[in-house]
Amino acid sequence: MIWHTWHFYYALILVIKAVCCRIGIALGVKLEF
C-alpha cells in the first residue's frame, strides 16, 4: 500500500509539473505574440 501510494503521488507530481510547463509555454507564447 505504501509503495503504491508513493508511486501514485510521484506520478501525480510529474503530471502536475508537465501541465505547469505546458501552461507556462502557452502563456509565454501569448505574451510574446
Protein backbone atom coordinates (compact mmCIF):
# COMPACT_ATOMS: atom_id res chain seq x y z
CA MET A 1 0.00 0.00 0.00
CA ILE A 2 2.74 2.45 0.98
CA TRP A 3 4.78 1.84 -2.18
CA HIS A 4 1.71 2.08 -4.40
CA THR A 5 0.73 5.35 -2.72
CA TRP A 6 4.27 6.70 -3.16
CA HIS A 7 4.25 5.82 -6.87
CA PHE A 8 0.80 7.41 -7.22
CA TYR A 9 1.93 10.71 -5.70
CA TYR A 10 5.21 10.62 -7.66
CA ALA A 11 3.32 10.17 -10.94
CA LEU A 12 0.85 12.87 -9.89
CA ILE A 13 3.70 15.33 -9.27
CA LEU A 14 5.21 14.55 -12.69
CA VAL A 15 1.84 15.18 -14.35
CA ILE A 16 1.41 18.48 -12.49
CA LYS A 17 4.91 19.58 -13.50
CA ALA A 18 4.23 18.69 -17.15
CA VAL A 19 0.94 20.61 -17.08
CA CYS A 20 2.60 23.64 -15.45
CA CYS A 21 5.35 23.58 -18.09
CA ARG A 22 2.77 23.48 -20.90
CA ILE A 23 0.79 26.32 -19.31
CA GLY A 24 3.97 28.34 -18.87
CA ILE A 25 4.92 27.81 -22.53
CA ALA A 26 1.38 28.73 -23.62
CA LEU A 27 1.48 31.92 -21.52
CA GLY A 28 4.95 32.71 -22.83
CA VAL A 29 3.76 32.37 -26.42
CA LYS A 30 0.74 34.57 -25.66
CA LEU A 31 2.99 37.18 -24.05
CA GLU A 32 5.42 37.14 -26.99
CA PHE A 33 2.70 37.34 -29.63
